[in-house]
Each structure stands twice: as structure tokens, then as C-alpha cells.
Amino acid sequence: MAESLADIIDLPTEYVSWHSPAAALWVASTPTAYVGMVDRNHDGFVATDCTGRELGVYGTLESARVAVYGAWVAPAPAEEQALIA
């Protein structure tokens, strides 16, 4: 029997939704968790993960959203987060 992609990699099963509570701000969440956010400034779209760690500045909203989702799916190891803090 063929394995599904979800069987091969451990992906979260909750649906991520995006909301824009203010101009130039997009917040991602699931029914049970805060995922991260993207805000637009003069440099581009700043992606931030659920711990408040900045993931980078991106040229498009879509690429910043992908970074937020990727950080949620595969968070940085605790020791890497400690070096950033």
C-alpha cells in the first residue's frame, strides 16, 4: 500500500487561517495555536514566528507567509532559538 505524504513527513493536521486585524498586518493561527505574523514596513514584508523570532524580510506577502508556515511546521531547535534571544 502506498504511503501518503502525511505518513512520510510529520505535518500538523490543523488548518492555518490568516486574518488582517489592521492595515499592513496579517496574523496566522489555528483553532488552538498562534502560528505567527507578517507586517509590512518600508523594507518589505517582515515574517515573525509564534515565539516572536523574526524570520526575515521578504519581497512579497506570499513568501513571508510561507516562511511563517514553515517555521511552524519545522520550528528551529531550542538551542538555536536560545542563541537568537
PDB file of N, CA and C in Angstrom:
ATOM      1  N   MET A   1       0.836  -1.170   0.000  1.00  0.00           N
ATOM      2  CA  MET A   1       0.000   0.000   0.000  1.00  0.00           C
ATOM      3  C   MET A   1       0.891   1.247   0.000  1.00  0.00           C
ATOM      4  N   ALA A   2       0.594   2.204  -0.842  1.00  0.00           N
ATOM      5  CA  ALA A   2       1.387   3.431  -0.949  1.00  0.00           C
ATOM      6  C   ALA A   2       1.136   4.334   0.255  1.00  0.00           C
ATOM      7  N   GLU A   3       2.206   4.958   0.717  1.00  0.00           N
ATOM      8  CA  GLU A   3       2.093   5.882   1.836  1.00  0.00           C
ATOM      9  C   GLU A   3       1.663   7.255   1.316  1.00  0.00           C
ATOM     10  N   SER A   4       0.893   7.960   2.126  1.00  0.00           N
ATOM     11  CA  SER A   4       0.534   9.326   1.767  1.00  0.00           C
ATOM     12  C   SER A   4       1.660  10.250   2.220  1.00  0.00           C
ATOM     13  N   LEU A   5       1.663  11.461   1.711  1.00  0.00           N
ATOM     14  CA  LEU A   5       2.675  12.433   2.100  1.00  0.00           C
ATOM     15  C   LEU A   5       2.650  12.677   3.609  1.00  0.00           C
ATOM     16  N   ALA A   6       1.471  12.717   4.200  1.00  0.00           N
ATOM     17  CA  ALA A   6       1.349  12.939   5.642  1.00  0.00           C
ATOM     18  C   ALA A   6       1.967  11.798   6.445  1.00  0.00           C
ATOM     19  N   ASP A   7       2.012  10.587   5.864  1.00  0.00           N
ATOM     20  CA  ASP A   7       2.641   9.458   6.551  1.00  0.00           C
ATOM     21  C   ASP A   7       4.166   9.541   6.488  1.00  0.00           C
ATOM     22  N   ILE A   8       4.680  10.186   5.457  1.00  0.00           N
ATOM     23  CA  ILE A   8       6.118  10.271   5.253  1.00  0.00           C
ATOM     24  C   ILE A   8       6.727  11.397   6.091  1.00  0.00           C
ATOM     25  N   ILE A   9       6.090  12.544   6.121  1.00  0.00           N
ATOM     26  CA  ILE A   9       6.575  13.659   6.921  1.00  0.00           C
ATOM     27  C   ILE A   9       5.525  14.026   7.949  1.00  0.00           C
ATOM     28  N   ASP A  10       5.961  14.462   9.097  1.00  0.00           N
ATOM     29  CA  ASP A  10       5.057  14.759  10.204  1.00  0.00           C
ATOM     30  C   ASP A  10       4.563  16.197  10.109  1.00  0.00           C
ATOM     31  N   LEU A  11       3.460  16.410   9.387  1.00  0.00           N
ATOM     32  CA  LEU A  11       2.886  17.742   9.239  1.00  0.00           C
ATOM     33  C   LEU A  11       1.774  17.953  10.255  1.00  0.00           C
ATOM     34  N   PRO A  12       1.610  19.186  10.708  1.00  0.00           N
ATOM     35  CA  PRO A  12       0.477  19.472  11.593  1.00  0.00           C
ATOM     36  C   PRO A  12      -0.831  19.194  10.865  1.00  0.00           C
ATOM     37  N   THR A  13      -1.838  18.806  11.593  1.00  0.00           N
ATOM     38  CA  THR A  13      -3.116  18.480  10.970  1.00  0.00           C
ATOM     39  C   THR A  13      -4.131  19.612  11.093  1.00  0.00           C
ATOM     40  N   GLU A  14      -3.802  20.661  11.812  1.00  0.00           N
ATOM     41  CA  GLU A  14      -4.729  21.774  11.969  1.00  0.00           C
ATOM     42  C   GLU A  14      -4.658  22.720  10.776  1.00  0.00           C
ATOM     43  N   TYR A  15      -5.774  23.326  10.464  1.00  0.00           N
ATOM     44  CA  TYR A  15      -5.863  24.287   9.382  1.00  0.00           C
ATOM     45  C   TYR A  15      -5.365  25.649   9.855  1.00  0.00           C
ATOM     46  N   VAL A  16      -4.475  26.258   9.080  1.00  0.00           N
ATOM     47  CA  VAL A  16      -3.972  27.594   9.398  1.00  0.00           C
ATOM     48  C   VAL A  16      -4.811  28.620   8.650  1.00  0.00           C
ATOM     49  N   SER A  17      -5.292  29.615   9.365  1.00  0.00           N
ATOM     50  CA  SER A  17      -6.031  30.691   8.715  1.00  0.00           C
ATOM     51  C   SER A  17      -5.305  32.016   8.957  1.00  0.00           C
ATOM     52  N   TRP A  18      -5.457  32.914   8.014  1.00  0.00           N
ATOM     53  CA  TRP A  18      -4.836  34.229   8.081  1.00  0.00           C
ATOM     54  C   TRP A  18      -5.915  35.288   8.245  1.00  0.00           C
ATOM     55  N   HIS A  19      -5.651  36.254   9.120  1.00  0.00           N
ATOM     56  CA  HIS A  19      -6.569  37.369   9.350  1.00  0.00           C
ATOM     57  C   HIS A  19      -5.762  38.662   9.313  1.00  0.00           C
ATOM     58  N   SER A  20      -6.404  39.737   8.914  1.00  0.00           N
ATOM     59  CA  SER A  20      -5.745  41.039   8.883  1.00  0.00           C
ATOM     60  C   SER A  20      -6.482  41.985   9.832  1.00  0.00           C
ATOM     61  N   PRO A  21      -6.046  42.014  11.108  1.00  0.00           N
ATOM     62  CA  PRO A  21      -6.740  42.843  12.095  1.00  0.00           C
ATOM     63  C   PRO A  21      -6.465  44.339  11.946  1.00  0.00           C
ATOM     64  N   ALA A  22      -5.425  44.691  11.182  1.00  0.00           N
ATOM     65  CA  ALA A  22      -5.079  46.095  10.966  1.00  0.00           C
ATOM     66  C   ALA A  22      -4.399  46.216   9.604  1.00  0.00           C
ATOM     67  N   ALA A  23      -4.341  47.413   9.096  1.00  0.00           N
ATOM     68  CA  ALA A  23      -3.670  47.637   7.813  1.00  0.00           C
ATOM     69  C   ALA A  23      -2.209  47.197   7.905  1.00  0.00           C
ATOM     70  N   ALA A  24      -1.750  46.502   6.890  1.00  0.00           N
ATOM     71  CA  ALA A  24      -0.359  46.051   6.781  1.00  0.00           C
ATOM     72  C   ALA A  24       0.044  45.047   7.867  1.00  0.00           C
ATOM     73  N   LEU A  25      -0.907  44.293   8.415  1.00  0.00           N
ATOM     74  CA  LEU A  25      -0.633  43.273   9.418  1.00  0.00           C
ATOM     75  C   LEU A  25      -1.487  42.044   9.130  1.00  0.00           C
ATOM     76  N   TRP A  26      -0.846  40.877   9.069  1.00  0.00           N
ATOM     77  CA  TRP A  26      -1.537  39.613   8.830  1.00  0.00           C
ATOM     78  C   TRP A  26      -1.119  38.644   9.924  1.00  0.00           C
ATOM     79  N   VAL A  27      -2.095  38.006  10.556  1.00  0.00           N
ATOM     80  CA  VAL A  27      -1.851  37.093  11.673  1.00  0.00           C
ATOM     81  C   VAL A  27      -2.333  35.700  11.301  1.00  0.00           C
ATOM     82  N   ALA A  28      -1.486  34.703  11.541  1.00  0.00           N
ATOM     83  CA  ALA A  28      -1.815  33.311  11.248  1.00  0.00           C
ATOM     84  C   ALA A  28      -2.102  32.565  12.543  1.00  0.00           C
ATOM     85  N   SER A  29      -3.162  31.751  12.507  1.00  0.00           N
ATOM     86  CA  SER A  29      -3.499  30.946  13.685  1.00  0.00           C
ATOM     87  C   SER A  29      -4.244  29.693  13.252  1.00  0.00           C
ATOM     88  N   THR A  30      -4.334  28.772  14.186  1.00  0.00           N
ATOM     89  CA  THR A  30      -5.159  27.581  14.025  1.00  0.00           C
ATOM     90  C   THR A  30      -6.243  27.696  15.099  1.00  0.00           C
ATOM     91  N   PRO A  31      -7.170  26.760  15.150  1.00  0.00           N
ATOM     92  CA  PRO A  31      -8.161  26.822  16.224  1.00  0.00           C
ATOM     93  C   PRO A  31      -7.551  26.738  17.630  1.00  0.00           C
ATOM     94  N   THR A  32      -6.324  26.213  17.742  1.00  0.00           N
ATOM     95  CA  THR A  32      -5.733  26.030  19.066  1.00  0.00           C
ATOM     96  C   THR A  32      -4.390  26.723  19.274  1.00  0.00           C
ATOM     97  N   ALA A  33      -3.847  27.391  18.249  1.00  0.00           N
ATOM     98  CA  ALA A  33      -2.499  27.946  18.400  1.00  0.00           C
ATOM     99  C   ALA A  33      -2.288  29.207  17.561  1.00  0.00           C
ATOM    100  N   TYR A  34      -1.435  30.074  18.073  1.00  0.00           N
ATOM    101  CA  TYR A  34      -0.933  31.224  17.322  1.00  0.00           C
ATOM    102  C   TYR A  34       0.232  30.720  16.487  1.00  0.00           C
ATOM    103  N   VAL A  35       0.248  31.002  15.194  1.00  0.00           N
ATOM    104  CA  VAL A  35       1.288  30.499  14.287  1.00  0.00           C
ATOM    105  C   VAL A  35       2.366  31.542  14.033  1.00  0.00           C
ATOM    106  N   GLY A  36       1.989  32.797  13.859  1.00  0.00           N
ATOM    107  CA  GLY A  36       2.954  33.851  13.585  1.00  0.00           C
ATOM    108  C   GLY A  36       2.272  35.013  12.903  1.00  0.00           C
ATOM    109  N   MET A  37       3.095  35.943  12.398  1.00  0.00           N
ATOM    110  CA  MET A  37       2.501  37.107  11.745  1.00  0.00           C
ATOM    111  C   MET A  37       3.436  37.668  10.688  1.00  0.00           C
ATOM    112  N   VAL A  38       2.851  38.510   9.846  1.00  0.00           N
ATOM    113  CA  VAL A  38       3.599  39.245   8.831  1.00  0.00           C
ATOM    114  C   VAL A  38       3.147  40.695   8.932  1.00  0.00           C
ATOM    115  N   ASP A  39       4.105  41.602   8.955  1.00  0.00           N
ATOM    116  CA  ASP A  39       3.738  43.013   8.880  1.00  0.00           C
ATOM    117  C   ASP A  39       4.567  43.676   7.786  1.00  0.00           C
ATOM    118  N   ARG A  40       3.973  44.673   7.165  1.00  0.00           N
ATOM    119  CA  ARG A  40       4.651  45.356   6.070  1.00  0.00           C
ATOM    120  C   ARG A  40       5.281  46.638   6.584  1.00  0.00           C
ATOM    121  N   ASN A  41       6.554  46.835   6.226  1.00  0.00           N
ATOM    122  CA  ASN A  41       7.206  48.101   6.524  1.00  0.00           C
ATOM    123  C   ASN A  41       7.866  48.617   5.248  1.00  0.00           C
ATOM    124  N   HIS A  42       8.678  49.637   5.342  1.00  0.00           N
ATOM    125  CA  HIS A  42       9.281  50.228   4.144  1.00  0.00           C
ATOM    126  C   HIS A  42      10.275  49.294   3.452  1.00  0.00           C
ATOM    127  N   ASP A  43      10.767  48.261   4.136  1.00  0.00           N
ATOM    128  CA  ASP A  43      11.715  47.316   3.547  1.00  0.00           C
ATOM    129  C   ASP A  43      11.038  46.139   2.855  1.00  0.00           C
ATOM    130  N   GLY A  44       9.800  45.846   3.201  1.00  0.00           N
ATOM    131  CA  GLY A  44       9.097  44.694   2.635  1.00  0.00           C
ATOM    132  C   GLY A  44       8.168  44.079   3.661  1.00  0.00           C
ATOM    133  N   PHE A  45       8.037  42.761   3.604  1.00  0.00           N
ATOM    134  CA  PHE A  45       7.139  42.023   4.484  1.00  0.00           C
ATOM    135  C   PHE A  45       7.968  41.275   5.530  1.00  0.00           C
ATOM    136  N   VAL A  46       7.791  41.638   6.796  1.00  0.00           N
ATOM    137  CA  VAL A  46       8.564  41.059   7.896  1.00  0.00           C
ATOM    138  C   VAL A  46       7.784  39.887   8.479  1.00  0.00           C
ATOM    139  N   ALA A  47       8.401  38.710   8.444  1.00  0.00           N
ATOM    140  CA  ALA A  47       7.775  37.500   8.983  1.00  0.00           C
ATOM    141  C   ALA A  47       8.301  37.241  10.390  1.00  0.00           C
ATOM    142  N   THR A  48       7.379  36.886  11.293  1.00  0.00           N
ATOM    143  CA  THR A  48       7.721  36.593  12.688  1.00  0.00           C
ATOM    144  C   THR A  48       7.042  35.288  13.086  1.00  0.00           C
ATOM    145  N   ASP A  49       7.785  34.394  13.750  1.00  0.00           N
ATOM    146  CA  ASP A  49       7.187  33.111  14.138  1.00  0.00           C
ATOM    147  C   ASP A  49       6.388  33.232  15.431  1.00  0.00           C
ATOM    148  N   CYS A  50       5.865  32.115  15.902  1.00  0.00           N
ATOM    149  CA  CYS A  50       4.986  32.113  17.079  1.00  0.00           C
ATOM    150  C   CYS A  50       5.701  32.475  18.377  1.00  0.00           C
ATOM    151  N   THR A  51       7.032  32.457  18.379  1.00  0.00           N
ATOM    152  CA  THR A  51       7.787  32.827  19.574  1.00  0.00           C
ATOM    153  C   THR A  51       8.240  34.276  19.544  1.00  0.00           C
ATOM    154  N   GLY A  52       7.937  34.995  18.454  1.00  0.00           N
ATOM    155  CA  GLY A  52       8.362  36.374  18.316  1.00  0.00           C
ATOM    156  C   GLY A  52       9.686  36.537  17.594  1.00  0.00           C
ATOM    157  N   ARG A  53      10.267  35.420  17.152  1.00  0.00           N
ATOM    158  CA  ARG A  53      11.548  35.458  16.441  1.00  0.00           C
ATOM    159  C   ARG A  53      11.325  35.941  15.011  1.00  0.00           C
ATOM    160  N   GLU A  54      12.074  36.961  14.597  1.00  0.00           N
ATOM    161  CA  GLU A  54      11.965  37.460  13.234  1.00  0.00           C
ATOM    162  C   GLU A  54      12.591  36.448  12.272  1.00  0.00           C
ATOM    163  N   LEU A  55      11.849  36.116  11.239  1.00  0.00           N
ATOM    164  CA  LEU A  55      12.291  35.126  10.261  1.00  0.00           C
ATOM    165  C   LEU A  55      12.949  35.760   9.049  1.00  0.00           C
ATOM    166  N   GLY A  56      12.762  37.041   8.863  1.00  0.00           N
ATOM    167  CA  GLY A  56      13.371  37.735   7.735  1.00  0.00           C
ATOM    168  C   GLY A  56      12.413  38.719   7.100  1.00  0.00           C
ATOM    169  N   VAL A  57      12.939  39.459   6.134  1.00  0.00           N
ATOM    170  CA  VAL A  57      12.163  40.424   5.362  1.00  0.00           C
ATOM    171  C   VAL A  57      12.048  39.876   3.953  1.00  0.00           C
ATOM    172  N   TYR A  58      10.841  39.844   3.428  1.00  0.00           N
ATOM    173  CA  TYR A  58      10.565  39.228   2.133  1.00  0.00           C
ATOM    174  C   TYR A  58       9.977  40.245   1.165  1.00  0.00           C
ATOM    175  N   GLY A  59      10.176  39.993  -0.098  1.00  0.00           N
ATOM    176  CA  GLY A  59       9.700  40.896  -1.135  1.00  0.00           C
ATOM    177  C   GLY A  59       8.214  40.816  -1.402  1.00  0.00           C
ATOM    178  N   THR A  60       7.596  39.682  -1.047  1.00  0.00           N
ATOM    179  CA  THR A  60       6.160  39.522  -1.276  1.00  0.00           C
ATOM    180  C   THR A  60       5.482  39.004  -0.014  1.00  0.00           C
ATOM    181  N   LEU A  61       4.206  39.301   0.089  1.00  0.00           N
ATOM    182  CA  LEU A  61       3.410  38.798   1.208  1.00  0.00           C
ATOM    183  C   LEU A  61       3.389  37.276   1.194  1.00  0.00           C
ATOM    184  N   GLU A  62       3.228  36.695   0.029  1.00  0.00           N
ATOM    185  CA  GLU A  62       3.152  35.235  -0.076  1.00  0.00           C
ATOM    186  C   GLU A  62       4.427  34.561   0.435  1.00  0.00           C
ATOM    187  N   SER A  63       5.598  35.071   0.069  1.00  0.00           N
ATOM    188  CA  SER A  63       6.842  34.448   0.536  1.00  0.00           C
ATOM    189  C   SER A  63       7.013  34.607   2.046  1.00  0.00           C
ATOM    190  N   ALA A  64       6.556  35.717   2.607  1.00  0.00           N
ATOM    191  CA  ALA A  64       6.615  35.892   4.064  1.00  0.00           C
ATOM    192  C   ALA A  64       5.668  34.926   4.760  1.00  0.00           C
ATOM    193  N   ARG A  65       4.480  34.726   4.183  1.00  0.00           N
ATOM    194  CA  ARG A  65       3.530  33.765   4.755  1.00  0.00           C
ATOM    195  C   ARG A  65       4.101  32.344   4.732  1.00  0.00           C
ATOM    196  N   VAL A  66       4.764  31.999   3.640  1.00  0.00           N
ATOM    197  CA  VAL A  66       5.388  30.670   3.536  1.00  0.00           C
ATOM    198  C   VAL A  66       6.442  30.498   4.629  1.00  0.00           C
ATOM    199  N   ALA A  67       7.220  31.545   4.906  1.00  0.00           N
ATOM    200  CA  ALA A  67       8.239  31.475   5.963  1.00  0.00           C
ATOM    201  C   ALA A  67       7.604  31.238   7.328  1.00  0.00           C
ATOM    202  N   VAL A  68       6.501  31.926   7.604  1.00  0.00           N
ATOM    203  CA  VAL A  68       5.801  31.752   8.885  1.00  0.00           C
ATOM    204  C   VAL A  68       5.282  30.319   8.999  1.00  0.00           C
ATOM    205  N   TYR A  69       4.656  29.838   7.947  1.00  0.00           N
ATOM    206  CA  TYR A  69       4.128  28.471   7.978  1.00  0.00           C
ATOM    207  C   TYR A  69       5.266  27.463   8.137  1.00  0.00           C
ATOM    208  N   GLY A  70       6.355  27.663   7.406  1.00  0.00           N
ATOM    209  CA  GLY A  70       7.495  26.746   7.500  1.00  0.00           C
ATOM    210  C   GLY A  70       8.093  26.701   8.893  1.00  0.00           C
ATOM    211  N   ALA A  71       8.163  27.848   9.561  1.00  0.00           N
ATOM    212  CA  ALA A  71       8.698  27.879  10.923  1.00  0.00           C
ATOM    213  C   ALA A  71       7.770  27.166  11.897  1.00  0.00           C
ATOM    214  N   TRP A  72       6.478  27.194  11.614  1.00  0.00           N
ATOM    215  CA  TRP A  72       5.516  26.497  12.471  1.00  0.00           C
ATOM    216  C   TRP A  72       5.597  24.991  12.262  1.00  0.00           C
ATOM    217  N   VAL A  73       5.736  24.575  11.005  1.00  0.00           N
ATOM    218  CA  VAL A  73       5.811  23.149  10.685  1.00  0.00           C
ATOM    219  C   VAL A  73       7.113  22.546  11.187  1.00  0.00           C
ATOM    220  N   ALA A  74       8.214  23.267  11.021  1.00  0.00           N
ATOM    221  CA  ALA A  74       9.534  22.769  11.421  1.00  0.00           C
ATOM    222  C   ALA A  74      10.236  23.846  12.245  1.00  0.00           C
ATOM    223  N   PRO A  75       9.871  23.991  13.519  1.00  0.00           N
ATOM    224  CA  PRO A  75      10.488  25.038  14.347  1.00  0.00           C
ATOM    225  C   PRO A  75      11.984  24.824  14.526  1.00  0.00           C
ATOM    226  N   ALA A  76      12.696  25.927  14.736  1.00  0.00           N
ATOM    227  CA  ALA A  76      14.134  25.851  14.985  1.00  0.00           C
ATOM    228  C   ALA A  76      14.382  25.108  16.291  1.00  0.00           C
ATOM    229  N   PRO A  77      15.483  24.364  16.369  1.00  0.00           N
ATOM    230  CA  PRO A  77      15.819  23.678  17.621  1.00  0.00           C
ATOM    231  C   PRO A  77      15.946  24.676  18.772  1.00  0.00           C
ATOM    232  N   ALA A  78      15.667  24.235  19.976  1.00  0.00           N
ATOM    233  CA  ALA A  78      15.678  25.102  21.152  1.00  0.00           C
ATOM    234  C   ALA A  78      17.019  25.808  21.326  1.00  0.00           C
ATOM    235  N   GLU A  79      18.123  25.121  21.069  1.00  0.00           N
ATOM    236  CA  GLU A  79      19.431  25.750  21.250  1.00  0.00           C
ATOM    237  C   GLU A  79      19.645  26.861  20.221  1.00  0.00           C
ATOM    238  N   GLU A  80      19.074  26.724  19.025  1.00  0.00           N
ATOM    239  CA  GLU A  80      19.199  27.765  18.012  1.00  0.00           C
ATOM    240  C   GLU A  80      18.362  28.978  18.418  1.00  0.00           C
ATOM    241  N   GLN A  81      17.191  28.753  18.984  1.00  0.00           N
ATOM    242  CA  GLN A  81      16.343  29.847  19.451  1.00  0.00           C
ATOM    243  C   GLN A  81      17.013  30.562  20.615  1.00  0.00           C
ATOM    244  N   ALA A  82      17.715  29.841  21.467  1.00  0.00           N
ATOM    245  CA  ALA A  82      18.368  30.454  22.626  1.00  0.00           C
ATOM    246  C   ALA A  82      19.486  31.390  22.151  1.00  0.00           C
ATOM    247  N   LEU A  83      20.175  31.058  21.064  1.00  0.00           N
ATOM    248  CA  LEU A  83      21.232  31.911  20.546  1.00  0.00           C
ATOM    249  C   LEU A  83      20.683  33.213  19.988  1.00  0.00           C
ATOM    250  N   ILE A  84      19.468  33.164  19.470  1.00  0.00           N
ATOM    251  CA  ILE A  84      18.850  34.341  18.883  1.00  0.00           C
ATOM    252  C   ILE A  84      18.362  35.297  19.969  1.00  0.00           C
ATOM    253  N   ALA A  85      17.872  34.753  21.049  1.00  0.00           N
ATOM    254  CA  ALA A  85      17.285  35.567  22.137  1.00  0.00           C
ATOM    255  C   ALA A  85      18.279  36.363  22.888  1.00  0.00           C
TER     256      ALA A  85
END
